[in-house]
Protein backbone atom coordinates (compact mmCIF):
# COMPACT_ATOMS: atom_id res chain seq x y z
CA MET A 1 95.15 87.67 101.99
CA ASN A 2 96.73 85.13 104.39
CA TYR A 3 100.13 86.43 105.45
CA LYS A 4 100.77 84.01 108.30
CA SER A 5 102.77 81.68 106.06
CA ALA A 6 104.95 84.62 104.99
CA LEU A 7 106.22 85.48 108.48
CA ILE A 8 109.70 84.38 109.56
CA CYS A 9 111.60 84.18 112.84
CA SER A 10 113.36 87.40 113.76
CA PHE A 11 116.91 86.09 113.64
CA PHE A 12 116.76 86.30 109.86
CA ILE A 13 116.99 90.06 110.28
CA LEU A 14 120.60 89.67 111.31
CA LEU A 15 121.41 88.14 107.94
CA ILE A 16 120.24 91.17 106.01
CA ALA A 17 122.37 94.29 105.61
CA SER A 18 120.29 97.31 104.80
CA CYS A 19 120.24 101.04 105.50
CA ASP A 20 116.46 100.81 105.87
CA PRO A 21 114.60 98.94 108.60
CA LEU A 22 113.53 95.46 107.59
CA VAL A 23 109.91 96.20 108.49
CA THR A 24 108.37 99.67 108.37
CA GLU A 25 106.28 100.19 111.50
CA PHE A 26 104.67 103.56 110.56
CA SER A 27 103.51 106.38 112.79
CA SER A 28 99.99 106.69 114.15
CA LYS A 29 99.41 109.42 111.55
CA GLU A 30 101.61 110.38 108.63
CA SER A 31 101.41 111.90 105.19
CA ALA A 32 100.47 109.58 102.36
CA LYS A 33 102.47 109.20 99.17
CA GLU A 34 101.14 111.35 96.33
CA TYR A 35 100.93 110.46 92.63
CA THR A 36 100.07 112.19 89.36
CA ALA A 37 99.32 110.58 86.01
CA LYS A 38 101.93 111.11 83.30
CA THR A 39 99.24 112.60 81.07
CA LEU A 40 96.38 114.49 82.69
CA VAL A 41 92.86 114.14 81.32
CA SER A 42 90.40 116.99 81.74
CA PRO A 43 87.86 115.91 84.36
CA PRO A 44 84.21 115.80 83.34
CA ASN A 45 81.90 118.70 84.03
CA LYS A 46 79.30 116.91 86.14
CA ASP A 47 78.00 116.88 89.70
CA THR A 48 76.93 113.23 89.92
CA LEU A 49 80.02 111.15 90.57
CA THR A 50 80.61 107.40 90.46
CA VAL A 51 82.42 106.21 93.58
CA VAL A 52 83.99 102.74 93.53
CA THR A 53 85.61 100.53 96.15
CA TRP A 54 87.62 97.52 94.97
CA ASN A 55 90.10 95.10 96.50
CA ILE A 56 92.20 94.42 93.40
CA ARG A 57 94.34 91.54 94.77
CA PHE A 58 97.57 93.16 93.55
CA GLY A 59 96.70 92.59 89.92
CA ILE A 60 96.77 88.79 89.81
CA GLY A 61 93.09 88.25 89.09
CA ARG A 62 91.94 84.78 90.15
CA ALA A 63 95.41 83.17 90.13
CA LYS A 64 96.04 80.54 92.78
CA TRP A 65 98.39 82.51 94.99
CA PHE A 66 99.88 80.57 97.90
CA GLY A 67 98.80 83.12 100.51
CA ASP A 68 95.05 83.18 100.07
CA SER A 69 93.68 80.48 97.77
CA CYS A 70 95.24 77.13 98.64
CA GLY A 71 97.57 77.56 95.69
CA ASP A 72 101.31 77.17 95.18
CA LEU A 73 102.09 80.27 93.08
CA VAL A 74 104.23 82.90 94.82
CA LEU A 75 105.74 85.26 92.25
CA PHE A 76 104.32 86.59 88.99
CA ASP A 77 106.11 88.01 85.95
CA ASP A 78 105.45 91.44 84.48
CA GLU A 79 103.36 90.03 81.63
CA THR A 80 100.95 88.37 84.08
CA ILE A 81 100.67 91.49 86.20
CA ASN A 82 100.20 93.77 83.21
CA ASN A 83 97.45 91.49 81.89
CA GLY A 84 95.75 91.61 85.28
CA LEU A 85 96.01 95.37 85.46
CA GLU A 86 94.62 95.65 81.93
CA LEU A 87 91.51 93.78 83.04
CA LEU A 88 91.13 96.15 85.98
CA ALA A 89 91.60 99.22 83.77
CA ILE A 90 88.99 98.02 81.29
CA LYS A 91 86.44 97.50 84.06
CA ILE A 92 87.24 100.85 85.66
CA ALA A 93 86.53 102.49 82.29
CA GLU A 94 83.27 100.54 81.90
CA ILE A 95 82.11 101.65 85.34
CA ASP A 96 83.23 105.21 84.51
CA ALA A 97 84.71 105.64 87.98
CA ASP A 98 85.37 109.17 89.23
CA ILE A 99 86.69 108.22 92.69
CA LEU A 100 88.43 104.90 93.31
CA LEU A 101 88.99 103.45 96.79
CA LEU A 102 91.40 100.55 96.25
CA GLN A 103 92.85 97.90 98.54
CA GLU A 104 95.70 95.39 98.09
CA VAL A 105 97.60 97.62 95.68
CA ASP A 106 101.29 96.78 95.25
CA THR A 107 103.81 99.54 94.59
CA ASP A 108 107.18 97.82 94.99
CA SER A 109 106.76 94.07 95.48
CA LYS A 110 108.71 91.17 94.04
CA ARG A 111 105.52 89.09 93.76
CA SER A 112 104.09 91.61 91.27
CA ALA A 113 107.28 92.26 89.28
CA TYR A 114 107.99 95.51 91.18
CA ILE A 115 105.35 97.34 89.14
CA ASP A 116 104.00 100.45 90.86
CA GLN A 117 100.33 99.69 90.40
CA VAL A 118 99.13 103.11 91.55
CA GLN A 119 101.16 104.79 88.82
CA TRP A 120 100.20 102.12 86.27
CA LEU A 121 96.48 102.60 86.86
CA LEU A 122 96.79 106.38 86.69
CA ASP A 123 98.64 106.10 83.39
CA HIS A 124 96.18 103.63 81.85
CA THR A 125 92.83 105.05 82.97
CA SER A 126 91.16 108.47 83.01
CA MET A 127 92.15 108.96 86.67
CA ASN A 128 94.58 111.84 87.20
CA TYR A 129 95.71 111.86 90.83
CA GLY A 130 96.39 109.29 93.50
CA VAL A 131 97.54 108.82 97.08
CA TYR A 132 98.87 105.67 98.70
CA GLY A 133 99.23 104.34 102.25
CA SER A 134 101.18 101.11 102.78
CA MET A 135 99.90 98.40 105.10
CA TRP A 136 102.88 96.06 104.69
CA GLU A 137 106.32 97.33 103.77
CA VAL A 138 109.01 94.70 104.25
CA GLN A 139 112.46 94.80 102.66
CA PHE A 140 112.79 91.02 102.46
CA VAL A 141 110.52 88.11 103.35
CA PRO A 142 112.46 84.82 103.01
CA SER A 143 109.36 82.61 103.19
CA ASP A 144 108.65 80.90 99.85
CA GLY A 145 110.90 83.41 98.09
CA LEU A 146 108.37 86.20 98.56
CA GLY A 147 111.12 88.82 98.88
CA ARG A 148 110.34 92.53 98.99
CA VAL A 149 106.72 93.58 99.66
CA ASN A 150 105.01 96.95 99.67
CA THR A 151 101.24 96.76 99.49
CA GLY A 152 98.41 98.94 100.79
CA ASN A 153 95.46 101.22 100.10
CA ALA A 154 95.14 103.80 97.34
CA ILE A 155 92.70 106.56 96.42
CA LEU A 156 92.50 107.60 92.77
CA SER A 157 90.62 110.66 91.56
CA LYS A 158 89.93 112.67 88.42
CA TRP A 159 90.38 115.83 90.51
CA PRO A 160 93.44 116.91 92.52
CA LEU A 161 93.93 115.41 95.96
CA SER A 162 95.35 117.15 99.01
CA GLU A 163 95.76 116.72 102.79
CA ALA A 164 96.37 113.01 102.22
CA GLU A 165 96.97 111.13 105.45
CA ARG A 166 97.61 107.54 106.50
CA ILE A 167 96.05 106.70 109.88
CA GLN A 168 97.24 103.58 111.68
CA LEU A 169 94.63 101.06 112.85
CA SER A 170 94.90 98.74 115.84
CA LEU A 171 97.16 95.75 115.35
CA ARG A 172 95.90 92.23 115.90
CA GLY A 173 95.74 91.31 119.56
CA ASP A 174 95.68 87.54 119.04
CA GLN A 175 99.31 87.22 117.91
CA ASP A 176 102.54 86.78 119.81
CA ALA A 177 104.91 89.75 119.88
CA LEU A 178 107.25 88.33 117.24
CA THR A 179 104.52 87.61 114.70
CA LYS A 180 102.92 91.00 115.33
CA ALA A 181 106.25 92.73 114.68
CA PHE A 182 106.34 91.38 111.10
CA TYR A 183 102.62 91.37 110.37
CA VAL A 184 100.56 93.77 108.25
CA ARG A 185 99.64 97.17 109.68
CA ARG A 186 96.18 98.09 108.48
CA ASN A 187 95.27 101.72 107.94
CA VAL A 188 92.67 104.28 107.01
CA LEU A 189 93.70 106.46 104.08
CA LYS A 190 91.98 109.80 103.56
CA ALA A 191 92.39 112.77 101.23
CA VAL A 192 90.51 115.87 100.15
CA VAL A 193 89.12 115.65 96.63
CA ASN A 194 89.39 119.19 95.28
CA TYR A 195 86.21 119.16 93.28
CA PRO A 196 85.66 122.68 91.87
CA GLY A 197 83.73 124.83 94.30
CA ASN A 198 82.95 122.06 96.77
CA PRO A 199 85.83 119.88 98.00
CA PHE A 200 85.03 116.70 99.90
CA TRP A 201 86.88 113.84 101.58
CA ALA A 202 87.51 110.36 100.23
CA VAL A 203 88.25 107.78 102.92
CA ASP A 204 89.53 104.24 102.30
CA ILE A 205 89.93 101.28 104.69
CA HIS A 206 91.09 97.68 104.57
CA ALA A 207 90.28 96.01 107.89
CA SER A 208 91.87 92.89 109.38
CA ALA A 209 91.16 89.69 107.48
CA PHE A 210 92.17 86.89 109.84
CA SER A 211 91.87 88.08 113.44
CA ASN A 212 90.01 85.85 115.89
CA ASP A 213 89.73 88.46 118.63
CA ASP A 214 88.08 91.91 118.71
CA THR A 215 90.68 93.61 116.47
CA LYS A 216 88.20 94.30 113.68
CA GLN A 217 85.70 95.83 116.07
CA LYS A 218 88.38 98.25 117.27
CA GLN A 219 89.30 99.07 113.68
CA PHE A 220 85.69 99.76 112.71
CA LEU A 221 85.35 102.20 115.60
CA GLU A 222 88.62 103.87 114.62
CA PHE A 223 87.35 104.16 111.05
CA LYS A 224 84.14 105.68 112.38
CA ASP A 225 86.17 108.14 114.48
CA VAL A 226 87.80 109.40 111.27
CA LEU A 227 84.40 109.83 109.65
CA ASP A 228 82.94 111.44 112.78
CA GLU A 229 85.72 114.02 112.84
CA ILE A 230 85.02 114.99 109.24
CA ASP A 231 81.27 115.07 109.83
CA ALA A 232 81.60 117.17 113.01
CA LYS A 233 83.32 119.89 110.97
CA GLY A 234 80.38 120.01 108.60
CA GLU A 235 82.46 118.56 105.78
CA LEU A 236 81.41 115.91 103.27
CA PHE A 237 82.83 112.45 102.65
CA VAL A 238 82.51 109.34 100.56
CA ALA A 239 84.07 106.36 102.28
CA GLY A 240 84.43 102.63 101.95
CA GLY A 241 86.64 99.66 101.48
CA ASP A 242 87.13 96.02 102.31
CA LEU A 243 85.85 95.67 105.88
CA ASN A 244 86.28 91.89 105.96
CA GLU A 245 82.94 91.79 107.76
CA LEU A 246 79.40 90.59 107.03
CA PRO A 247 76.39 92.91 107.14
CA PRO A 248 74.28 92.75 110.31
CA GLY A 249 71.65 90.04 109.94
CA ALA A 250 73.50 88.02 107.29
CA GLU A 251 71.92 84.58 107.00
CA LYS A 252 75.24 82.70 107.06
CA ASN A 253 78.06 83.68 109.40
CA ASN A 254 80.52 80.78 109.40
CA TYR A 255 82.65 80.08 106.30
CA CYS A 256 85.40 77.99 107.87
CA ASP A 257 84.58 74.79 105.99
CA GLN A 258 84.65 76.68 102.70
CA ASP A 259 87.81 78.65 103.40
CA ARG A 260 89.91 75.83 104.83
CA CYS A 261 92.60 74.39 102.56
CA PRO A 262 92.83 70.58 102.28
CA ASP A 263 95.94 70.41 104.46
CA GLU A 264 94.67 72.78 107.16
CA LEU A 265 93.13 71.73 110.47
CA PRO A 266 90.05 73.36 112.02
CA GLU A 267 92.10 74.56 114.99
CA ASN A 268 94.09 76.73 112.58
CA ASP A 269 91.05 78.52 111.17
CA GLU A 270 91.41 82.30 111.07
CA GLY A 271 88.89 84.99 110.30
CA CYS A 272 86.21 82.71 108.85
CA ASP A 273 83.74 82.55 111.75
CA PHE A 274 81.75 85.77 112.04
CA SER A 275 79.29 84.44 114.63
CA ASN A 276 80.44 86.80 117.38
CA GLU A 277 80.70 89.81 115.07
CA THR A 278 77.09 90.22 113.96
CA THR A 279 76.74 93.80 115.23
CA TRP A 280 80.30 95.09 114.85
CA ILE A 281 79.62 97.36 111.87
CA SER A 282 76.17 98.41 113.07
CA PRO A 283 77.57 101.76 114.33
CA LEU A 284 78.54 102.62 110.74
CA TYR A 285 75.06 101.77 109.46
CA ASP A 286 73.48 103.74 112.30
CA ALA A 287 75.55 106.89 111.75
CA TYR A 288 75.97 107.06 107.99
CA MET A 289 74.29 106.15 104.72
CA PRO A 290 75.34 102.84 103.15
CA SER A 291 75.12 102.45 99.40
CA VAL A 292 73.01 99.31 100.03
CA SER A 293 70.47 99.51 102.83
CA LEU A 294 70.16 96.55 105.16
CA VAL A 295 66.56 96.15 104.04
CA ASP A 296 67.61 95.75 100.41
CA TYR A 297 70.54 93.52 101.32
CA LEU A 298 68.46 91.10 103.40
CA LEU A 299 65.82 90.83 100.68
CA ASN A 300 68.38 89.38 98.25
CA GLU A 301 71.77 88.67 99.82
CA ASN A 302 73.22 86.81 96.83
CA MET A 303 72.83 89.90 94.68
CA TYR A 304 75.29 91.82 96.87
CA PHE A 305 78.01 89.23 97.55
CA THR A 306 81.47 90.62 96.81
CA HIS A 307 83.97 87.88 97.71
CA ALA A 308 84.73 84.26 96.81
CA SER A 309 86.57 81.73 98.95
CA THR A 310 88.63 79.82 96.40
CA HIS A 311 89.58 80.07 92.75
CA ASP A 312 88.71 76.76 91.14
CA ASP A 313 86.35 76.93 88.17
CA ASN A 314 85.01 73.47 89.06
CA ASP A 315 84.30 74.40 92.68
CA GLU A 316 81.09 76.13 93.73
CA ARG A 317 83.23 78.24 96.07
CA TYR A 318 84.57 80.01 93.01
CA GLN A 319 81.27 81.88 93.07
CA TRP A 320 80.68 84.99 95.15
CA ASN A 321 79.51 83.88 98.58
CA ARG A 322 79.61 86.82 101.04
CA LYS A 323 79.58 90.61 101.21
CA LEU A 324 82.76 92.19 102.60
CA ASP A 325 82.99 95.48 100.67
CA TYR A 326 81.06 98.68 101.47
CA LEU A 327 80.45 102.34 100.63
CA PHE A 328 79.20 105.00 103.08
CA THR A 329 78.57 108.75 103.00
CA ASN A 330 77.32 111.44 105.37
CA THR A 331 74.91 112.74 102.74
CA ALA A 332 73.03 110.36 100.43
CA TRP A 333 73.59 108.10 97.44
CA VAL A 334 71.49 108.36 94.34
CA SER A 335 68.61 106.00 94.99
CA ARG A 336 69.13 102.47 93.62
CA SER A 337 72.39 103.49 91.96
CA GLU A 338 74.56 100.91 93.73
CA ARG A 339 76.05 98.17 91.60
CA THR A 340 77.82 95.05 92.81
CA HIS A 341 79.79 94.10 89.71
CA GLN A 342 79.58 90.32 89.98
CA GLU A 343 79.96 90.04 86.21
CA ALA A 344 83.67 90.81 86.71
CA GLN A 345 84.71 87.20 87.30
CA LEU A 346 88.39 87.33 86.42
CA GLU A 347 89.72 90.63 87.81
CA SER A 348 90.04 89.74 91.51
CA ASP A 349 88.65 87.58 94.32
CA HIS A 350 86.59 90.67 95.23
CA VAL A 351 84.17 92.50 92.98
CA ALA A 352 83.97 96.23 92.50
CA VAL A 353 81.14 98.03 94.30
CA SER A 354 80.01 101.35 92.82
CA ALA A 355 77.37 103.96 93.60
CA LYS A 356 76.37 107.40 92.34
CA TRP A 357 76.90 110.38 94.62
CA VAL A 358 75.70 113.91 93.96
CA VAL A 359 78.08 116.63 95.09
CA PRO A 360 75.81 118.83 97.27
C-alpha cells in the first residue's frame, strides 16, 4: 500500500498527549504477539499440509482506498470490514489451509473499525493459533483522518505456535530522516509450528513496496539469513509472503504507466520499475525450493500473476498482471500442487497462493 500520503510533519507530535510513543520503532528482534481462537478445533490427522500466503489488504477487498488504488476512501465501517473478512474466511475454508502466512493484517486501526483481524480470522475459521508482528504502529495519523494504525504480518496455524519472533528488516534508504521516522517498518515473522512429533518453522515476510533504491535487495538477503539459520540447524521451514518483486526472467518489468494515478507525475513514481531488480530474489531460488519453478513460471506467466494495479471493473488493470507473492521450503513441495487462486477476484488486490507440503 502507498503510505507516503499518510505521513505528516513531525511538529504534529507536539499536539498529541499520550503515554505511548506516537510511532513504535521496534527492536531488531522481539517477541511476537500470540493469539488463540476462542473455540479450538481439533487439528486434522494428516501429514500433507496446505500452506498459504496471502496479502489480505486489511479486509477491504477491492475497495478504492486512497492509499493504494487512486481512490478517495479512507475509513471503513465494521459492516464493510466484516463482509470483507467473511469473504476471506470462506476462501480460506475452500483452500483448506493448514498454515496461513498473511500480510497487511490490521489489529487496531481506525480505517478498519478497530477490528482485530487476527482474532477475527481465528474465531471464524478452523485455524486455532496465531502470532502477529506489526509493521506500522502509529497512535495517530492526521492525514486524511486516517487516525490510529496498527498493521502487519500474521501466521495462523491449526497447531500450537511457539518461539514466535518479529525480526526487523532494513528501512528504506531513499527517504529523508523525517519521513523515515514515521514510515512503515517491514519485518520477518517466524514461529515454530508444533506439529505432533515433528515441529517445523513458518516464516512470513512483507518486503518494501515503493522503494527506488536497493532496500528490497537488502531485505531479501535478511529474509534469506533467517532461513539459512534455520536450515543450518537441520530444522525444517515453510516460508513465503509478499516480496513485492518479480520472478527472475519476467517478460515485463516496468509497470509505472499502469500504476500511476491520473494526478501523479512520472517523477513521483515509486516501486513500479523493476528493471534493475531482475536478479534480486535469485538467491532465494538458488538456495531453496519455490512452490512454482522458474521453468513453469516462464512457460505461462499469466497463470501465476498474483497482483492487480487498480480496482476498476472497466479497466484492464483490474486483472492480475504480475507475480509478487511466493512460497519456499528447504525440503520439497508436492509436485504440481501449487495453486494461484486467481478466481478470488473480490477478496483483495492480491490472490492467495497455496501449495501442498509433506511433513518429513
